[in-house]
Amino acid sequence: MLLYSKERLWTIDDLAQYLGIPKNTLYAWRAQGYGPKGIRMGKYVRYAAEDVRAWLAQMKAAS
């Protein structure tokens, strides 16, 4: 069971702004199975801030 903080989930726009990359890049990454884990909610995808930060930490550790 996933437990998330009370911080609101991020939209694709939020994530693009946070990472400083275009939304189209995020869409392409998602199609390739790359990038932070998204949560599908009907026709929407949302991102938990802690998942994004964990993914960034992984990227940093791998470099």
N, C-alpha and C. Protein backbone atom coordinates (compact mmCIF):
# COMPACT_ATOMS: atom_id res chain seq x y z
N MET A 1 0.84 -1.18 0.00
CA MET A 1 0.00 0.00 0.00
C MET A 1 0.89 1.25 0.00
N LEU A 2 0.60 2.16 -0.91
CA LEU A 2 1.38 3.39 -0.99
C LEU A 2 0.78 4.45 -0.09
N LEU A 3 1.62 5.07 0.67
CA LEU A 3 1.19 6.16 1.52
C LEU A 3 1.91 7.41 1.07
N TYR A 4 1.17 8.43 0.74
CA TYR A 4 1.76 9.67 0.27
C TYR A 4 1.53 10.78 1.29
N SER A 5 2.38 11.76 1.20
CA SER A 5 2.24 12.90 2.10
C SER A 5 0.97 13.67 1.77
N LYS A 6 0.70 14.66 2.54
CA LYS A 6 -0.50 15.47 2.31
C LYS A 6 -0.28 16.52 1.24
N GLU A 7 0.93 16.57 0.69
CA GLU A 7 1.22 17.48 -0.41
C GLU A 7 0.38 17.07 -1.62
N ARG A 8 -0.14 18.03 -2.32
CA ARG A 8 -1.00 17.70 -3.46
C ARG A 8 -0.20 17.03 -4.57
N LEU A 9 -0.88 16.24 -5.37
CA LEU A 9 -0.23 15.59 -6.50
C LEU A 9 0.04 16.62 -7.60
N TRP A 10 1.12 16.41 -8.34
CA TRP A 10 1.51 17.35 -9.38
C TRP A 10 0.91 16.97 -10.72
N THR A 11 0.57 17.97 -11.50
CA THR A 11 0.15 17.77 -12.87
C THR A 11 1.38 17.69 -13.77
N ILE A 12 1.17 17.38 -15.02
CA ILE A 12 2.28 17.36 -15.98
C ILE A 12 2.89 18.76 -16.10
N ASP A 13 2.05 19.80 -16.00
CA ASP A 13 2.56 21.18 -16.04
C ASP A 13 3.44 21.47 -14.83
N ASP A 14 3.01 21.02 -13.66
CA ASP A 14 3.80 21.21 -12.44
C ASP A 14 5.16 20.53 -12.58
N LEU A 15 5.14 19.30 -13.07
CA LEU A 15 6.37 18.54 -13.20
C LEU A 15 7.31 19.18 -14.22
N ALA A 16 6.77 19.60 -15.35
CA ALA A 16 7.59 20.25 -16.37
C ALA A 16 8.24 21.52 -15.82
N GLN A 17 7.49 22.29 -15.08
CA GLN A 17 8.04 23.51 -14.49
C GLN A 17 9.11 23.18 -13.46
N TYR A 18 8.86 22.19 -12.61
CA TYR A 18 9.80 21.81 -11.56
C TYR A 18 11.12 21.33 -12.17
N LEU A 19 11.03 20.50 -13.21
CA LEU A 19 12.23 19.95 -13.83
C LEU A 19 12.86 20.89 -14.86
N GLY A 20 12.07 21.87 -15.31
CA GLY A 20 12.58 22.81 -16.30
C GLY A 20 12.72 22.19 -17.68
N ILE A 21 11.82 21.27 -18.00
CA ILE A 21 11.84 20.63 -19.31
C ILE A 21 10.46 20.71 -19.95
N PRO A 22 10.39 20.58 -21.28
CA PRO A 22 9.10 20.66 -21.96
C PRO A 22 8.17 19.49 -21.61
N LYS A 23 6.88 19.76 -21.65
CA LYS A 23 5.89 18.72 -21.40
C LYS A 23 6.02 17.58 -22.41
N ASN A 24 6.31 17.91 -23.67
CA ASN A 24 6.44 16.87 -24.69
C ASN A 24 7.54 15.88 -24.34
N THR A 25 8.60 16.35 -23.71
CA THR A 25 9.66 15.44 -23.26
C THR A 25 9.12 14.49 -22.21
N LEU A 26 8.34 15.02 -21.29
CA LEU A 26 7.75 14.16 -20.25
C LEU A 26 6.81 13.12 -20.86
N TYR A 27 6.01 13.53 -21.84
CA TYR A 27 5.12 12.58 -22.52
C TYR A 27 5.94 11.49 -23.20
N ALA A 28 7.02 11.87 -23.87
CA ALA A 28 7.88 10.89 -24.55
C ALA A 28 8.53 9.96 -23.54
N TRP A 29 9.03 10.51 -22.44
CA TRP A 29 9.63 9.67 -21.40
C TRP A 29 8.64 8.66 -20.88
N ARG A 30 7.41 9.11 -20.62
CA ARG A 30 6.39 8.21 -20.08
C ARG A 30 6.10 7.08 -21.06
N ALA A 31 6.03 7.39 -22.34
CA ALA A 31 5.78 6.37 -23.36
C ALA A 31 6.92 5.36 -23.42
N GLN A 32 8.13 5.80 -23.08
CA GLN A 32 9.31 4.93 -23.10
C GLN A 32 9.54 4.22 -21.76
N GLY A 33 8.71 4.53 -20.76
CA GLY A 33 8.87 3.92 -19.45
C GLY A 33 10.00 4.55 -18.64
N TYR A 34 10.36 5.77 -18.98
CA TYR A 34 11.44 6.48 -18.31
C TYR A 34 10.84 7.63 -17.49
N GLY A 35 11.59 8.14 -16.56
CA GLY A 35 11.14 9.30 -15.78
C GLY A 35 10.49 8.90 -14.48
N PRO A 36 10.02 9.90 -13.75
CA PRO A 36 9.39 9.61 -12.45
C PRO A 36 8.09 8.83 -12.63
N LYS A 37 7.79 8.04 -11.64
CA LYS A 37 6.59 7.21 -11.65
C LYS A 37 5.35 8.10 -11.60
N GLY A 38 4.44 7.88 -12.52
CA GLY A 38 3.18 8.61 -12.54
C GLY A 38 2.05 7.75 -12.02
N ILE A 39 1.00 8.40 -11.58
CA ILE A 39 -0.18 7.71 -11.06
C ILE A 39 -1.33 8.03 -11.99
N ARG A 40 -1.88 7.01 -12.65
CA ARG A 40 -3.00 7.22 -13.57
C ARG A 40 -4.28 7.36 -12.75
N MET A 41 -5.01 8.43 -13.04
CA MET A 41 -6.29 8.70 -12.37
C MET A 41 -7.30 8.99 -13.48
N GLY A 42 -7.94 7.92 -13.98
CA GLY A 42 -8.81 8.09 -15.12
C GLY A 42 -7.99 8.48 -16.33
N LYS A 43 -8.35 9.58 -16.97
CA LYS A 43 -7.59 10.02 -18.14
C LYS A 43 -6.41 10.92 -17.77
N TYR A 44 -6.20 11.16 -16.49
CA TYR A 44 -5.14 12.05 -16.03
C TYR A 44 -3.97 11.25 -15.44
N VAL A 45 -2.80 11.84 -15.50
CA VAL A 45 -1.63 11.29 -14.82
C VAL A 45 -1.17 12.34 -13.82
N ARG A 46 -0.92 11.91 -12.62
CA ARG A 46 -0.44 12.80 -11.57
C ARG A 46 0.85 12.22 -11.00
N TYR A 47 1.63 13.09 -10.38
CA TYR A 47 2.93 12.71 -9.84
C TYR A 47 3.01 13.11 -8.37
N ALA A 48 3.44 12.18 -7.55
CA ALA A 48 3.67 12.48 -6.13
C ALA A 48 5.05 13.12 -6.02
N ALA A 49 5.13 14.22 -5.31
CA ALA A 49 6.39 14.95 -5.18
C ALA A 49 7.50 14.06 -4.64
N GLU A 50 7.18 13.18 -3.69
CA GLU A 50 8.22 12.32 -3.13
C GLU A 50 8.72 11.30 -4.16
N ASP A 51 7.86 10.87 -5.09
CA ASP A 51 8.31 9.98 -6.16
C ASP A 51 9.26 10.71 -7.11
N VAL A 52 8.93 11.95 -7.42
CA VAL A 52 9.78 12.76 -8.30
C VAL A 52 11.14 12.98 -7.64
N ARG A 53 11.13 13.34 -6.38
CA ARG A 53 12.39 13.58 -5.66
C ARG A 53 13.21 12.30 -5.54
N ALA A 54 12.56 11.16 -5.33
CA ALA A 54 13.27 9.88 -5.25
C ALA A 54 13.89 9.54 -6.60
N TRP A 55 13.17 9.79 -7.69
CA TRP A 55 13.70 9.55 -9.02
C TRP A 55 14.92 10.44 -9.29
N LEU A 56 14.84 11.71 -8.89
CA LEU A 56 15.98 12.62 -9.07
C LEU A 56 17.19 12.14 -8.26
N ALA A 57 16.96 11.67 -7.06
CA ALA A 57 18.05 11.16 -6.23
C ALA A 57 18.70 9.95 -6.88
N GLN A 58 17.89 9.10 -7.50
CA GLN A 58 18.41 7.94 -8.23
C GLN A 58 19.28 8.39 -9.40
N MET A 59 18.81 9.39 -10.13
CA MET A 59 19.56 9.91 -11.28
C MET A 59 20.90 10.48 -10.82
N LYS A 60 20.86 11.19 -9.69
CA LYS A 60 22.07 11.80 -9.15
C LYS A 60 23.06 10.73 -8.72
N ALA A 61 22.57 9.69 -8.05
CA ALA A 61 23.44 8.62 -7.57
C ALA A 61 24.05 7.84 -8.73
N ALA A 62 23.32 7.73 -9.83
CA ALA A 62 23.80 6.96 -10.99
C ALA A 62 24.83 7.74 -11.81
N SER A 63 24.87 9.05 -11.64
CA SER A 63 25.79 9.85 -12.47
C SER A 63 27.15 10.02 -11.85
